[in-house]
PDB file of N, CA and C in Angstrom:
ATOM      1  N   UNK A   1      12.393 -70.100 -34.048  1.00  0.00           N
ATOM      2  CA  UNK A   1      12.728 -69.256 -32.925  1.00  0.00           C
ATOM      3  C   UNK A   1      13.722 -69.999 -32.058  1.00  0.00           C
ATOM      4  N   UNK A   2      14.650 -69.258 -31.471  1.00  0.00           N
ATOM      5  CA  UNK A   2      15.710 -69.833 -30.661  1.00  0.00           C
ATOM      6  C   UNK A   2      15.725 -69.162 -29.304  1.00  0.00           C
ATOM      7  N   UNK A   3      15.890 -69.956 -28.249  1.00  0.00           N
ATOM      8  CA  UNK A   3      15.989 -69.443 -26.897  1.00  0.00           C
ATOM      9  C   UNK A   3      17.222 -70.048 -26.247  1.00  0.00           C
ATOM     10  N   UNK A   4      18.201 -69.213 -25.920  1.00  0.00           N
ATOM     11  CA  UNK A   4      19.428 -69.678 -25.263  1.00  0.00           C
ATOM     12  C   UNK A   4      19.462 -69.131 -23.843  1.00  0.00           C
ATOM     13  N   UNK A   5      19.975 -69.931 -22.925  1.00  0.00           N
ATOM     14  CA  UNK A   5      20.063 -69.537 -21.534  1.00  0.00           C
ATOM     15  C   UNK A   5      21.520 -69.561 -21.110  1.00  0.00           C
ATOM     16  N   UNK A   6      22.089 -68.387 -20.858  1.00  0.00           N
ATOM     17  CA  UNK A   6      23.499 -68.284 -20.484  1.00  0.00           C
ATOM     18  C   UNK A   6      23.623 -67.730 -19.068  1.00  0.00           C
ATOM     19  N   UNK A   7      24.705 -68.056 -18.382  1.00  0.00           N
ATOM     20  CA  UNK A   7      24.923 -67.487 -17.045  1.00  0.00           C
ATOM     21  C   UNK A   7      25.095 -65.968 -17.107  1.00  0.00           C
ATOM     22  N   UNK A   8      24.762 -65.291 -16.041  1.00  0.00           N
ATOM     23  CA  UNK A   8      24.916 -63.834 -15.990  1.00  0.00           C
ATOM     24  C   UNK A   8      26.377 -63.419 -15.868  1.00  0.00           C
ATOM     25  N   UNK A   9      27.163 -64.226 -15.142  1.00  0.00           N
ATOM     26  CA  UNK A   9      28.552 -63.876 -14.875  1.00  0.00           C
ATOM     27  C   UNK A   9      29.440 -65.071 -15.180  1.00  0.00           C
ATOM     28  N   UNK A  10      30.553 -64.800 -15.853  1.00  0.00           N
ATOM     29  CA  UNK A  10      31.570 -65.823 -16.117  1.00  0.00           C
ATOM     30  C   UNK A  10      32.922 -65.291 -15.671  1.00  0.00           C
ATOM     31  N   UNK A  11      33.743 -66.179 -15.136  1.00  0.00           N
ATOM     32  CA  UNK A  11      35.096 -65.794 -14.753  1.00  0.00           C
ATOM     33  C   UNK A  11      36.093 -66.286 -15.783  1.00  0.00           C
ATOM     34  N   UNK A  12      37.287 -65.734 -15.777  1.00  0.00           N
ATOM     35  CA  UNK A  12      38.336 -66.164 -16.716  1.00  0.00           C
ATOM     36  C   UNK A  12      38.625 -67.658 -16.563  1.00  0.00           C
ATOM     37  N   UNK A  13      38.690 -68.353 -17.677  1.00  0.00           N
ATOM     38  CA  UNK A  13      39.002 -69.780 -17.672  1.00  0.00           C
ATOM     39  C   UNK A  13      37.835 -70.703 -17.379  1.00  0.00           C
ATOM     40  N   UNK A  14      36.663 -70.164 -17.107  1.00  0.00           N
ATOM     41  CA  UNK A  14      35.500 -71.013 -16.835  1.00  0.00           C
ATOM     42  C   UNK A  14      34.978 -71.632 -18.122  1.00  0.00           C
ATOM     43  N   UNK A  15      34.445 -72.831 -18.005  1.00  0.00           N
ATOM     44  CA  UNK A  15      33.808 -73.527 -19.121  1.00  0.00           C
ATOM     45  C   UNK A  15      32.336 -73.721 -18.779  1.00  0.00           C
ATOM     46  N   UNK A  16      31.456 -73.418 -19.744  1.00  0.00           N
ATOM     47  CA  UNK A  16      30.017 -73.595 -19.532  1.00  0.00           C
ATOM     48  C   UNK A  16      29.431 -74.430 -20.660  1.00  0.00           C
ATOM     49  N   UNK A  17      28.268 -74.977 -20.407  1.00  0.00           N
ATOM     50  CA  UNK A  17      27.446 -75.566 -21.454  1.00  0.00           C
ATOM     51  C   UNK A  17      26.300 -74.596 -21.683  1.00  0.00           C
ATOM     52  N   UNK A  18      25.998 -74.354 -22.947  1.00  0.00           N
ATOM     53  CA  UNK A  18      24.964 -73.390 -23.300  1.00  0.00           C
ATOM     54  C   UNK A  18      23.708 -74.130 -23.747  1.00  0.00           C
ATOM     55  N   UNK A  19      22.693 -74.218 -22.870  1.00  0.00           N
ATOM     56  CA  UNK A  19      21.449 -74.873 -23.278  1.00  0.00           C
ATOM     57  C   UNK A  19      20.689 -74.011 -24.277  1.00  0.00           C
ATOM     58  N   UNK A  20      20.179 -74.637 -25.322  1.00  0.00           N
ATOM     59  CA  UNK A  20      19.449 -73.929 -26.369  1.00  0.00           C
ATOM     60  C   UNK A  20      18.163 -74.685 -26.677  1.00  0.00           C
ATOM     61  N   UNK A  21      17.063 -73.957 -26.771  1.00  0.00           N
ATOM     62  CA  UNK A  21      15.786 -74.531 -27.185  1.00  0.00           C
ATOM     63  C   UNK A  21      15.440 -73.955 -28.551  1.00  0.00           C
ATOM     64  N   UNK A  22      15.135 -74.826 -29.505  1.00  0.00           N
ATOM     65  CA  UNK A  22      14.777 -74.404 -30.859  1.00  0.00           C
ATOM     66  C   UNK A  22      13.312 -74.758 -31.082  1.00  0.00           C
ATOM     67  N   UNK A  23      12.531 -73.769 -31.503  1.00  0.00           N
ATOM     68  CA  UNK A  23      11.110 -73.964 -31.752  1.00  0.00           C
ATOM     69  C   UNK A  23      10.855 -73.956 -33.257  1.00  0.00           C
ATOM     70  N   UNK A  24      10.153 -74.957 -33.767  1.00  0.00           N
ATOM     71  CA  UNK A  24       9.718 -74.974 -35.165  1.00  0.00           C
ATOM     72  C   UNK A  24       8.285 -74.496 -35.228  1.00  0.00           C
ATOM     73  N   UNK A  25       8.089 -73.209 -35.446  1.00  0.00           N
ATOM     74  CA  UNK A  25       6.755 -72.621 -35.369  1.00  0.00           C
ATOM     75  C   UNK A  25       5.968 -72.702 -36.676  1.00  0.00           C
ATOM     76  N   UNK A  26       6.633 -72.918 -37.768  1.00  0.00           N
ATOM     77  CA  UNK A  26       5.952 -73.009 -39.058  1.00  0.00           C
ATOM     78  C   UNK A  26       5.843 -74.471 -39.462  1.00  0.00           C
ATOM     79  N   UNK A  27       4.673 -74.938 -39.921  1.00  0.00           N
ATOM     80  CA  UNK A  27       4.495 -76.347 -40.244  1.00  0.00           C
ATOM     81  C   UNK A  27       5.389 -76.841 -41.380  1.00  0.00           C
ATOM     82  N   UNK A  28       5.809 -75.955 -42.286  1.00  0.00           N
ATOM     83  CA  UNK A  28       6.637 -76.389 -43.410  1.00  0.00           C
ATOM     84  C   UNK A  28       8.121 -76.520 -43.036  1.00  0.00           C
ATOM     85  N   UNK A  29       8.503 -76.029 -41.866  1.00  0.00           N
ATOM     86  CA  UNK A  29       9.903 -76.131 -41.433  1.00  0.00           C
ATOM     87  C   UNK A  29      10.115 -77.498 -40.799  1.00  0.00           C
ATOM     88  N   UNK A  30      10.961 -78.303 -41.403  1.00  0.00           N
ATOM     89  CA  UNK A  30      11.218 -79.665 -40.921  1.00  0.00           C
ATOM     90  C   UNK A  30      12.589 -79.806 -40.278  1.00  0.00           C
ATOM     91  N   UNK A  31      13.533 -78.912 -40.614  1.00  0.00           N
ATOM     92  CA  UNK A  31      14.877 -78.943 -40.048  1.00  0.00           C
ATOM     93  C   UNK A  31      15.384 -77.522 -39.845  1.00  0.00           C
ATOM     94  N   UNK A  32      16.318 -77.390 -38.911  1.00  0.00           N
ATOM     95  CA  UNK A  32      16.977 -76.108 -38.692  1.00  0.00           C
ATOM     96  C   UNK A  32      18.429 -76.376 -38.342  1.00  0.00           C
ATOM     97  N   UNK A  33      19.291 -75.474 -38.746  1.00  0.00           N
ATOM     98  CA  UNK A  33      20.705 -75.567 -38.425  1.00  0.00           C
ATOM     99  C   UNK A  33      21.041 -74.429 -37.464  1.00  0.00           C
ATOM    100  N   UNK A  34      21.663 -74.774 -36.345  1.00  0.00           N
ATOM    101  CA  UNK A  34      22.020 -73.796 -35.322  1.00  0.00           C
ATOM    102  C   UNK A  34      23.534 -73.740 -35.243  1.00  0.00           C
ATOM    103  N   UNK A  35      24.101 -72.522 -35.322  1.00  0.00           N
ATOM    104  CA  UNK A  35      25.552 -72.347 -35.281  1.00  0.00           C
ATOM    105  C   UNK A  35      25.940 -71.427 -34.138  1.00  0.00           C
ATOM    106  N   UNK A  36      27.080 -71.711 -33.556  1.00  0.00           N
ATOM    107  CA  UNK A  36      27.638 -70.899 -32.494  1.00  0.00           C
ATOM    108  C   UNK A  36      29.022 -70.455 -32.936  1.00  0.00           C
ATOM    109  N   UNK A  37      29.284 -69.157 -32.848  1.00  0.00           N
ATOM    110  CA  UNK A  37      30.590 -68.657 -33.289  1.00  0.00           C
ATOM    111  C   UNK A  37      31.316 -67.985 -32.133  1.00  0.00           C
ATOM    112  N   UNK A  38      32.624 -67.977 -32.226  1.00  0.00           N
ATOM    113  CA  UNK A  38      33.470 -67.383 -31.196  1.00  0.00           C
ATOM    114  C   UNK A  38      33.605 -65.882 -31.428  1.00  0.00           C
ATOM    115  N   UNK A  39      34.065 -65.195 -30.391  1.00  0.00           N
ATOM    116  CA  UNK A  39      34.432 -63.791 -30.505  1.00  0.00           C
ATOM    117  C   UNK A  39      35.701 -63.595 -29.669  1.00  0.00           C
ATOM    118  N   UNK A  40      36.235 -62.393 -29.547  1.00  0.00           N
ATOM    119  CA  UNK A  40      37.484 -62.221 -28.797  1.00  0.00           C
ATOM    120  C   UNK A  40      37.406 -62.639 -27.320  1.00  0.00           C
ATOM    121  N   UNK A  41      36.203 -62.729 -26.762  1.00  0.00           N
ATOM    122  CA  UNK A  41      36.048 -63.055 -25.349  1.00  0.00           C
ATOM    123  C   UNK A  41      35.674 -64.508 -25.087  1.00  0.00           C
ATOM    124  N   UNK A  42      35.179 -65.210 -26.111  1.00  0.00           N
ATOM    125  CA  UNK A  42      34.710 -66.580 -25.927  1.00  0.00           C
ATOM    126  C   UNK A  42      35.293 -67.503 -26.990  1.00  0.00           C
ATOM    127  N   UNK A  43      35.569 -68.719 -26.584  1.00  0.00           N
ATOM    128  CA  UNK A  43      36.069 -69.756 -27.485  1.00  0.00           C
ATOM    129  C   UNK A  43      35.053 -70.892 -27.482  1.00  0.00           C
ATOM    130  N   UNK A  44      34.717 -71.400 -28.649  1.00  0.00           N
ATOM    131  CA  UNK A  44      33.798 -72.528 -28.751  1.00  0.00           C
ATOM    132  C   UNK A  44      34.620 -73.809 -28.636  1.00  0.00           C
ATOM    133  N   UNK A  45      34.242 -74.663 -27.702  1.00  0.00           N
ATOM    134  CA  UNK A  45      34.908 -75.950 -27.511  1.00  0.00           C
ATOM    135  C   UNK A  45      33.939 -77.025 -27.987  1.00  0.00           C
ATOM    136  N   UNK A  46      34.319 -77.770 -29.004  1.00  0.00           N
ATOM    137  CA  UNK A  46      33.449 -78.820 -29.522  1.00  0.00           C
ATOM    138  C   UNK A  46      32.776 -78.399 -30.812  1.00  0.00           C
ATOM    139  N   UNK A  47      31.626 -78.975 -31.054  1.00  0.00           N
ATOM    140  CA  UNK A  47      30.877 -78.773 -32.299  1.00  0.00           C
ATOM    141  C   UNK A  47      30.327 -77.347 -32.352  1.00  0.00           C
ATOM    142  N   UNK A  48      30.468 -76.691 -33.499  1.00  0.00           N
ATOM    143  CA  UNK A  48      29.967 -75.323 -33.645  1.00  0.00           C
ATOM    144  C   UNK A  48      28.631 -75.250 -34.373  1.00  0.00           C
ATOM    145  N   UNK A  49      28.247 -76.319 -35.068  1.00  0.00           N
ATOM    146  CA  UNK A  49      26.980 -76.338 -35.808  1.00  0.00           C
ATOM    147  C   UNK A  49      26.242 -77.634 -35.508  1.00  0.00           C
ATOM    148  N   UNK A  50      24.950 -77.522 -35.297  1.00  0.00           N
ATOM    149  CA  UNK A  50      24.112 -78.685 -35.031  1.00  0.00           C
ATOM    150  C   UNK A  50      22.831 -78.552 -35.852  1.00  0.00           C
ATOM    151  N   UNK A  51      22.382 -79.636 -36.450  1.00  0.00           N
ATOM    152  CA  UNK A  51      21.124 -79.656 -37.196  1.00  0.00           C
ATOM    153  C   UNK A  51      20.078 -80.397 -36.373  1.00  0.00           C
ATOM    154  N   UNK A  52      18.915 -79.789 -36.233  1.00  0.00           N
ATOM    155  CA  UNK A  52      17.817 -80.410 -35.491  1.00  0.00           C
ATOM    156  C   UNK A  52      16.641 -80.638 -36.439  1.00  0.00           C
ATOM    157  N   UNK A  53      15.853 -81.660 -36.134  1.00  0.00           N
ATOM    158  CA  UNK A  53      14.677 -81.997 -36.943  1.00  0.00           C
ATOM    159  C   UNK A  53      13.421 -81.840 -36.108  1.00  0.00           C
ATOM    160  N   UNK A  54      12.359 -81.421 -36.757  1.00  0.00           N
ATOM    161  CA  UNK A  54      11.065 -81.291 -36.113  1.00  0.00           C
ATOM    162  C   UNK A  54      10.167 -82.395 -36.651  1.00  0.00           C
ATOM    163  N   UNK A  55       9.735 -83.325 -35.794  1.00  0.00           N
ATOM    164  CA  UNK A  55       9.002 -84.503 -36.261  1.00  0.00           C
ATOM    165  C   UNK A  55       7.599 -84.222 -36.782  1.00  0.00           C
ATOM    166  N   UNK A  56       7.026 -83.096 -36.461  1.00  0.00           N
ATOM    167  CA  UNK A  56       5.665 -82.793 -36.918  1.00  0.00           C
ATOM    168  C   UNK A  56       4.785 -82.400 -35.752  1.00  0.00           C
ATOM    169  N   UNK A  57       3.547 -82.156 -36.060  1.00  0.00           N
ATOM    170  CA  UNK A  57       2.594 -81.704 -35.056  1.00  0.00           C
ATOM    171  C   UNK A  57       2.293 -82.827 -34.077  1.00  0.00           C
ATOM    172  N   UNK A  58       2.462 -82.577 -32.777  1.00  0.00           N
ATOM    173  CA  UNK A  58       2.208 -83.571 -31.760  1.00  0.00           C
ATOM    174  C   UNK A  58       0.794 -83.461 -31.225  1.00  0.00           C
ATOM    175  N   UNK A  59       0.343 -82.244 -31.009  1.00  0.00           N
ATOM    176  CA  UNK A  59      -1.020 -82.045 -30.502  1.00  0.00           C
ATOM    177  C   UNK A  59      -1.546 -80.692 -30.973  1.00  0.00           C
ATOM    178  N   UNK A  60      -2.837 -80.504 -30.886  1.00  0.00           N
ATOM    179  CA  UNK A  60      -3.448 -79.234 -31.244  1.00  0.00           C
ATOM    180  C   UNK A  60      -3.416 -78.290 -30.053  1.00  0.00           C
ATOM    181  N   UNK A  61      -3.054 -77.040 -30.288  1.00  0.00           N
ATOM    182  CA  UNK A  61      -3.034 -76.042 -29.234  1.00  0.00           C
ATOM    183  C   UNK A  61      -4.409 -75.451 -29.029  1.00  0.00           C
ATOM    184  N   UNK A  62      -5.234 -75.435 -30.064  1.00  0.00           N
ATOM    185  CA  UNK A  62      -6.557 -74.872 -29.949  1.00  0.00           C
ATOM    186  C   UNK A  62      -7.488 -75.581 -30.917  1.00  0.00           C
ATOM    187  N   UNK A  63      -8.761 -75.434 -30.710  1.00  0.00           N
ATOM    188  CA  UNK A  63      -9.744 -75.957 -31.648  1.00  0.00           C
ATOM    189  C   UNK A  63     -10.697 -74.827 -32.011  1.00  0.00           C
ATOM    190  N   UNK A  64     -11.146 -74.833 -33.220  1.00  0.00           N
ATOM    191  CA  UNK A  64     -12.086 -73.799 -33.653  1.00  0.00           C
ATOM    192  C   UNK A  64     -13.493 -74.386 -33.693  1.00  0.00           C
ATOM    193  N   UNK A  65     -14.469 -73.523 -33.475  1.00  0.00           N
ATOM    194  CA  UNK A  65     -15.861 -74.005 -33.483  1.00  0.00           C
ATOM    195  C   UNK A  65     -16.618 -73.411 -34.646  1.00  0.00           C
TER     196      UNK A  65
END
């Protein structure tokens, strides 16, 4: 799952950084590749693809009885 947070309003010529949170919800998923592409209104400056790794389960969210 991916969650990106972008500004509501941008002006011509403005540059932003786009924060992205990537969640590895399935235990078998160890890596994910995230890509950002341009369109007629936006230009990507810098790296367009990034690979992230999920180190494994850190803690239990619940316990069963």
